[in-house]
Amino acid sequence: MEGESTFSFYLAVHTGTNYQADDGSYEIAAGRLLAMLSLILGSRKNMDDLLSVKNYECSVIDLLAELDECSTGERELVARVSMTVVTKGKEKVDISKGLFSKLIRQHELAATWNSLKIAKRAI
């Protein structure tokens, strides 16, 4: 559509915690991690605060939790967020990694993970 711009972002939340897929702990932790991200990113106020523009038309967010194999042989729980934002006009959109990290660390479910690391990049 004329006058619209699309911007896409990738965010990752690394828990720094080793899980085994076969003992049931992974499913519980992955569910908590995805629930936390759904609550944070599902809030219009949070999205307004996170995005550098206020005139966005819509955002599409995909969430995925999986185990990443580390060089040590451990398997770290990681949540991956793919976000697409459509805006009116040509104004560039960015997402605040600092605020995203703060919202995650302040959430009660984040207390499960002491070594959280956040990654962000435009895609």
N, C-alpha and C. Protein backbone atom coordinates (compact mmCIF):
# COMPACT_ATOMS: atom_id res chain seq x y z
N MET A 1 0.84 -1.18 0.00
CA MET A 1 0.00 0.00 0.00
C MET A 1 0.88 1.24 0.00
N GLU A 2 0.41 2.26 -0.68
CA GLU A 2 1.17 3.51 -0.77
C GLU A 2 1.21 4.21 0.59
N GLY A 3 2.38 4.76 0.92
CA GLY A 3 2.52 5.50 2.16
C GLY A 3 2.77 4.65 3.38
N GLU A 4 3.03 3.37 3.19
CA GLU A 4 3.32 2.50 4.33
C GLU A 4 4.75 2.00 4.26
N SER A 5 5.32 1.75 5.42
CA SER A 5 6.66 1.16 5.51
C SER A 5 6.59 -0.04 6.44
N THR A 6 7.42 -1.03 6.15
CA THR A 6 7.46 -2.24 6.96
C THR A 6 8.86 -2.41 7.53
N PHE A 7 8.94 -2.70 8.80
CA PHE A 7 10.21 -2.90 9.50
C PHE A 7 10.12 -4.21 10.27
N SER A 8 11.21 -4.99 10.22
CA SER A 8 11.23 -6.27 10.91
C SER A 8 12.41 -6.35 11.87
N PHE A 9 12.17 -7.00 12.99
CA PHE A 9 13.18 -7.14 14.04
C PHE A 9 13.24 -8.57 14.52
N TYR A 10 14.41 -8.93 14.99
CA TYR A 10 14.64 -10.22 15.64
C TYR A 10 15.14 -9.92 17.05
N LEU A 11 14.50 -10.53 18.02
CA LEU A 11 14.93 -10.42 19.41
C LEU A 11 15.13 -11.84 19.94
N ALA A 12 16.13 -12.03 20.77
CA ALA A 12 16.35 -13.33 21.39
C ALA A 12 16.54 -13.13 22.89
N VAL A 13 15.94 -14.02 23.65
CA VAL A 13 16.10 -14.01 25.10
C VAL A 13 16.80 -15.31 25.47
N HIS A 14 18.06 -15.18 25.84
CA HIS A 14 18.88 -16.33 26.25
C HIS A 14 18.77 -16.46 27.76
N THR A 15 18.34 -17.62 28.22
CA THR A 15 18.13 -17.81 29.66
C THR A 15 19.42 -18.15 30.41
N GLY A 16 20.42 -18.67 29.70
CA GLY A 16 21.64 -19.08 30.37
C GLY A 16 21.46 -20.31 31.24
N THR A 17 20.36 -21.02 31.03
CA THR A 17 20.04 -22.18 31.86
C THR A 17 19.96 -23.43 31.00
N ASN A 18 20.60 -24.49 31.47
CA ASN A 18 20.62 -25.77 30.79
C ASN A 18 19.34 -26.55 31.10
N TYR A 19 18.72 -27.11 30.08
CA TYR A 19 17.53 -27.94 30.25
C TYR A 19 17.68 -29.21 29.44
N GLN A 20 17.02 -30.25 29.91
CA GLN A 20 16.94 -31.51 29.18
C GLN A 20 15.51 -31.64 28.66
N ALA A 21 15.39 -31.98 27.41
CA ALA A 21 14.06 -32.05 26.78
C ALA A 21 13.24 -33.22 27.31
N ASP A 22 13.89 -34.22 27.86
CA ASP A 22 13.17 -35.43 28.23
C ASP A 22 12.77 -35.52 29.70
N ASP A 23 13.06 -34.51 30.51
CA ASP A 23 12.69 -34.62 31.92
C ASP A 23 11.51 -33.76 32.33
N GLY A 24 10.88 -33.09 31.39
CA GLY A 24 9.70 -32.29 31.67
C GLY A 24 10.00 -30.85 32.07
N SER A 25 11.22 -30.56 32.48
CA SER A 25 11.54 -29.19 32.94
C SER A 25 11.57 -28.21 31.76
N TYR A 26 11.96 -28.67 30.58
CA TYR A 26 12.02 -27.80 29.42
C TYR A 26 10.63 -27.28 29.06
N GLU A 27 9.64 -28.15 29.02
CA GLU A 27 8.29 -27.75 28.64
C GLU A 27 7.73 -26.70 29.60
N ILE A 28 7.97 -26.89 30.90
CA ILE A 28 7.48 -25.95 31.90
C ILE A 28 8.18 -24.60 31.74
N ALA A 29 9.50 -24.62 31.63
CA ALA A 29 10.27 -23.38 31.50
C ALA A 29 9.95 -22.66 30.19
N ALA A 30 9.83 -23.40 29.10
CA ALA A 30 9.50 -22.80 27.81
C ALA A 30 8.12 -22.16 27.86
N GLY A 31 7.18 -22.81 28.50
CA GLY A 31 5.84 -22.25 28.66
C GLY A 31 5.86 -20.95 29.45
N ARG A 32 6.64 -20.91 30.52
CA ARG A 32 6.75 -19.69 31.33
C ARG A 32 7.40 -18.55 30.53
N LEU A 33 8.46 -18.89 29.81
CA LEU A 33 9.17 -17.89 29.02
C LEU A 33 8.26 -17.30 27.94
N LEU A 34 7.55 -18.14 27.23
CA LEU A 34 6.65 -17.66 26.18
C LEU A 34 5.46 -16.89 26.76
N ALA A 35 4.96 -17.32 27.92
CA ALA A 35 3.86 -16.60 28.58
C ALA A 35 4.32 -15.20 28.97
N MET A 36 5.52 -15.10 29.52
CA MET A 36 6.06 -13.81 29.92
C MET A 36 6.19 -12.88 28.71
N LEU A 37 6.75 -13.39 27.64
CA LEU A 37 6.92 -12.57 26.43
C LEU A 37 5.58 -12.19 25.83
N SER A 38 4.61 -13.08 25.87
CA SER A 38 3.27 -12.78 25.36
C SER A 38 2.62 -11.66 26.16
N LEU A 39 2.77 -11.69 27.47
CA LEU A 39 2.21 -10.64 28.32
C LEU A 39 2.90 -9.30 28.05
N ILE A 40 4.20 -9.31 27.93
CA ILE A 40 4.95 -8.07 27.70
C ILE A 40 4.64 -7.49 26.33
N LEU A 41 4.75 -8.31 25.29
CA LEU A 41 4.57 -7.82 23.93
C LEU A 41 3.10 -7.68 23.53
N GLY A 42 2.21 -8.29 24.29
CA GLY A 42 0.79 -8.18 24.02
C GLY A 42 0.16 -6.92 24.57
N SER A 43 0.92 -6.17 25.34
CA SER A 43 0.42 -4.93 25.93
C SER A 43 0.63 -3.77 24.95
N ARG A 44 -0.44 -3.09 24.61
CA ARG A 44 -0.33 -1.94 23.69
C ARG A 44 0.56 -0.85 24.30
N LYS A 45 0.45 -0.64 25.61
CA LYS A 45 1.28 0.37 26.27
C LYS A 45 2.76 0.00 26.14
N ASN A 46 3.10 -1.25 26.38
CA ASN A 46 4.49 -1.68 26.24
C ASN A 46 4.97 -1.50 24.81
N MET A 47 4.15 -1.87 23.84
CA MET A 47 4.55 -1.72 22.45
C MET A 47 4.74 -0.25 22.09
N ASP A 48 3.85 0.61 22.58
CA ASP A 48 4.00 2.05 22.34
C ASP A 48 5.32 2.56 22.92
N ASP A 49 5.66 2.08 24.11
CA ASP A 49 6.91 2.49 24.76
C ASP A 49 8.14 1.91 24.07
N LEU A 50 8.04 0.66 23.61
CA LEU A 50 9.18 -0.02 22.99
C LEU A 50 9.53 0.52 21.61
N LEU A 51 8.52 0.89 20.84
CA LEU A 51 8.75 1.33 19.47
C LEU A 51 9.05 2.82 19.42
N SER A 52 9.90 3.20 18.49
CA SER A 52 10.33 4.60 18.37
C SER A 52 9.28 5.48 17.69
N VAL A 53 8.23 4.90 17.17
CA VAL A 53 7.14 5.66 16.55
C VAL A 53 5.82 5.28 17.20
N LYS A 54 4.88 6.18 17.15
CA LYS A 54 3.56 5.91 17.74
C LYS A 54 2.48 5.67 16.69
N ASN A 55 2.82 5.94 15.43
CA ASN A 55 1.81 5.85 14.38
C ASN A 55 1.89 4.54 13.61
N TYR A 56 2.15 3.44 14.32
CA TYR A 56 2.21 2.17 13.61
C TYR A 56 0.82 1.60 13.42
N GLU A 57 0.64 0.95 12.28
CA GLU A 57 -0.65 0.37 11.93
C GLU A 57 -0.87 -0.95 12.64
N CYS A 58 0.14 -1.79 12.60
CA CYS A 58 0.01 -3.10 13.22
C CYS A 58 1.39 -3.68 13.47
N SER A 59 1.39 -4.66 14.31
CA SER A 59 2.63 -5.41 14.52
C SER A 59 2.26 -6.88 14.54
N VAL A 60 3.10 -7.68 13.92
CA VAL A 60 2.92 -9.12 13.89
C VAL A 60 4.10 -9.72 14.64
N ILE A 61 3.79 -10.52 15.63
CA ILE A 61 4.84 -11.06 16.49
C ILE A 61 4.75 -12.57 16.50
N ASP A 62 5.87 -13.23 16.19
CA ASP A 62 5.97 -14.68 16.28
C ASP A 62 6.93 -15.01 17.40
N LEU A 63 6.54 -15.96 18.25
CA LEU A 63 7.37 -16.40 19.37
C LEU A 63 7.72 -17.87 19.22
N LEU A 64 8.95 -18.20 19.58
CA LEU A 64 9.42 -19.58 19.51
C LEU A 64 10.37 -19.82 20.68
N ALA A 65 10.20 -20.92 21.36
CA ALA A 65 11.15 -21.34 22.40
C ALA A 65 11.81 -22.62 21.93
N GLU A 66 13.12 -22.70 22.13
CA GLU A 66 13.83 -23.90 21.73
C GLU A 66 15.11 -24.05 22.54
N LEU A 67 15.69 -25.22 22.44
CA LEU A 67 16.95 -25.48 23.12
C LEU A 67 18.09 -25.29 22.13
N ASP A 68 19.06 -24.46 22.49
CA ASP A 68 20.26 -24.26 21.68
C ASP A 68 21.39 -25.09 22.24
N GLU A 69 22.03 -25.84 21.39
CA GLU A 69 23.19 -26.65 21.79
C GLU A 69 24.38 -25.72 21.99
N CYS A 70 25.00 -25.77 23.15
CA CYS A 70 26.18 -24.96 23.46
C CYS A 70 27.44 -25.78 23.21
N SER A 71 28.57 -25.11 23.11
CA SER A 71 29.84 -25.80 22.88
C SER A 71 30.21 -26.73 24.04
N THR A 72 29.62 -26.47 25.21
CA THR A 72 29.89 -27.30 26.39
C THR A 72 29.06 -28.58 26.39
N GLY A 73 28.13 -28.68 25.45
CA GLY A 73 27.24 -29.84 25.40
C GLY A 73 25.93 -29.59 26.12
N GLU A 74 25.83 -28.47 26.84
CA GLU A 74 24.58 -28.13 27.51
C GLU A 74 23.59 -27.60 26.48
N ARG A 75 22.32 -27.57 26.89
CA ARG A 75 21.27 -27.10 26.00
C ARG A 75 20.54 -25.95 26.68
N GLU A 76 20.77 -24.74 26.17
CA GLU A 76 20.20 -23.53 26.75
C GLU A 76 18.82 -23.23 26.17
N LEU A 77 17.89 -22.88 27.05
CA LEU A 77 16.57 -22.44 26.61
C LEU A 77 16.67 -21.01 26.07
N VAL A 78 16.20 -20.83 24.83
CA VAL A 78 16.23 -19.52 24.17
C VAL A 78 14.85 -19.25 23.58
N ALA A 79 14.37 -18.02 23.78
CA ALA A 79 13.14 -17.59 23.12
C ALA A 79 13.53 -16.68 21.97
N ARG A 80 12.91 -16.88 20.83
CA ARG A 80 13.17 -16.07 19.65
C ARG A 80 11.88 -15.33 19.28
N VAL A 81 12.03 -14.04 19.05
CA VAL A 81 10.90 -13.19 18.71
C VAL A 81 11.16 -12.59 17.34
N SER A 82 10.22 -12.79 16.44
CA SER A 82 10.26 -12.17 15.13
C SER A 82 9.10 -11.17 15.09
N MET A 83 9.42 -9.90 14.82
CA MET A 83 8.41 -8.85 14.88
C MET A 83 8.44 -8.03 13.60
N THR A 84 7.26 -7.81 13.03
CA THR A 84 7.12 -6.95 11.86
C THR A 84 6.16 -5.83 12.22
N VAL A 85 6.59 -4.61 11.94
CA VAL A 85 5.79 -3.42 12.27
C VAL A 85 5.51 -2.66 10.98
N VAL A 86 4.25 -2.31 10.76
CA VAL A 86 3.84 -1.54 9.59
C VAL A 86 3.46 -0.14 10.07
N THR A 87 4.02 0.86 9.41
CA THR A 87 3.75 2.25 9.78
C THR A 87 3.20 3.02 8.59
N LYS A 88 2.55 4.12 8.88
CA LYS A 88 2.17 5.07 7.85
C LYS A 88 3.36 5.98 7.63
N GLY A 89 3.63 6.29 6.40
CA GLY A 89 4.74 7.19 6.11
C GLY A 89 6.07 6.47 6.04
N LYS A 90 7.12 7.24 6.00
CA LYS A 90 8.46 6.70 5.79
C LYS A 90 9.35 6.79 7.03
N GLU A 91 8.78 7.15 8.17
CA GLU A 91 9.57 7.29 9.39
C GLU A 91 10.17 5.94 9.80
N LYS A 92 11.47 5.95 10.09
CA LYS A 92 12.18 4.73 10.48
C LYS A 92 11.73 4.28 11.87
N VAL A 93 11.58 2.98 12.03
CA VAL A 93 11.14 2.39 13.30
C VAL A 93 12.31 1.66 13.93
N ASP A 94 12.43 1.81 15.24
CA ASP A 94 13.40 1.03 16.01
C ASP A 94 12.69 0.53 17.25
N ILE A 95 13.27 -0.47 17.86
CA ILE A 95 12.73 -1.01 19.11
C ILE A 95 13.81 -0.87 20.17
N SER A 96 13.42 -0.47 21.36
CA SER A 96 14.37 -0.22 22.44
C SER A 96 14.79 -1.53 23.11
N LYS A 97 16.01 -1.96 22.84
CA LYS A 97 16.54 -3.17 23.47
C LYS A 97 16.64 -2.98 24.98
N GLY A 98 17.07 -1.78 25.41
CA GLY A 98 17.21 -1.50 26.84
C GLY A 98 15.89 -1.62 27.59
N LEU A 99 14.83 -1.03 27.03
CA LEU A 99 13.52 -1.12 27.68
C LEU A 99 12.98 -2.54 27.62
N PHE A 100 13.19 -3.23 26.50
CA PHE A 100 12.75 -4.62 26.38
C PHE A 100 13.41 -5.46 27.47
N SER A 101 14.70 -5.28 27.65
CA SER A 101 15.44 -6.00 28.69
C SER A 101 14.89 -5.66 30.07
N LYS A 102 14.62 -4.39 30.31
CA LYS A 102 14.09 -3.95 31.61
C LYS A 102 12.72 -4.57 31.89
N LEU A 103 11.83 -4.56 30.89
CA LEU A 103 10.50 -5.15 31.06
C LEU A 103 10.59 -6.64 31.38
N ILE A 104 11.52 -7.32 30.75
CA ILE A 104 11.70 -8.75 31.01
C ILE A 104 12.22 -8.96 32.41
N ARG A 105 13.28 -8.27 32.77
CA ARG A 105 13.91 -8.47 34.09
C ARG A 105 12.99 -8.09 35.24
N GLN A 106 12.05 -7.17 35.03
CA GLN A 106 11.12 -6.76 36.08
C GLN A 106 9.95 -7.71 36.23
N HIS A 107 9.74 -8.57 35.24
CA HIS A 107 8.59 -9.48 35.29
C HIS A 107 8.84 -10.59 36.31
N GLU A 108 7.81 -10.94 37.05
CA GLU A 108 7.96 -11.95 38.10
C GLU A 108 8.42 -13.31 37.57
N LEU A 109 8.05 -13.67 36.37
CA LEU A 109 8.47 -14.96 35.82
C LEU A 109 9.96 -14.99 35.48
N ALA A 110 10.58 -13.83 35.33
CA ALA A 110 12.00 -13.78 34.98
C ALA A 110 12.90 -14.20 36.14
N ALA A 111 12.37 -14.23 37.34
CA ALA A 111 13.17 -14.62 38.52
C ALA A 111 13.72 -16.04 38.39
N THR A 112 13.13 -16.83 37.52
CA THR A 112 13.59 -18.20 37.28
C THR A 112 14.99 -18.23 36.69
N TRP A 113 15.36 -17.18 35.94
CA TRP A 113 16.62 -17.16 35.22
C TRP A 113 17.51 -16.02 35.70
N ASN A 114 18.67 -16.35 36.21
CA ASN A 114 19.60 -15.34 36.75
C ASN A 114 20.56 -14.80 35.70
N SER A 115 20.69 -15.46 34.58
CA SER A 115 21.70 -15.09 33.58
C SER A 115 21.08 -14.69 32.25
N LEU A 116 19.99 -13.95 32.28
CA LEU A 116 19.32 -13.56 31.04
C LEU A 116 20.20 -12.64 30.20
N LYS A 117 20.19 -12.90 28.89
CA LYS A 117 20.86 -12.02 27.92
C LYS A 117 19.89 -11.78 26.77
N ILE A 118 19.88 -10.53 26.32
CA ILE A 118 18.96 -10.13 25.25
C ILE A 118 19.78 -9.77 24.01
N ALA A 119 19.33 -10.24 22.86
CA ALA A 119 19.96 -9.88 21.58
C ALA A 119 18.88 -9.24 20.70
N LYS A 120 19.31 -8.28 19.87
CA LYS A 120 18.39 -7.60 18.97
C LYS A 120 19.08 -7.28 17.66
N ARG A 121 18.34 -7.40 16.57
CA ARG A 121 18.86 -6.92 15.28
C ARG A 121 17.69 -6.69 14.34
N ALA A 122 17.90 -5.78 13.43
CA ALA A 122 16.91 -5.54 12.37
C ALA A 122 17.08 -6.62 11.32
N ILE A 123 15.98 -7.05 10.75
CA ILE A 123 16.04 -8.08 9.69
C ILE A 123 15.31 -7.60 8.46
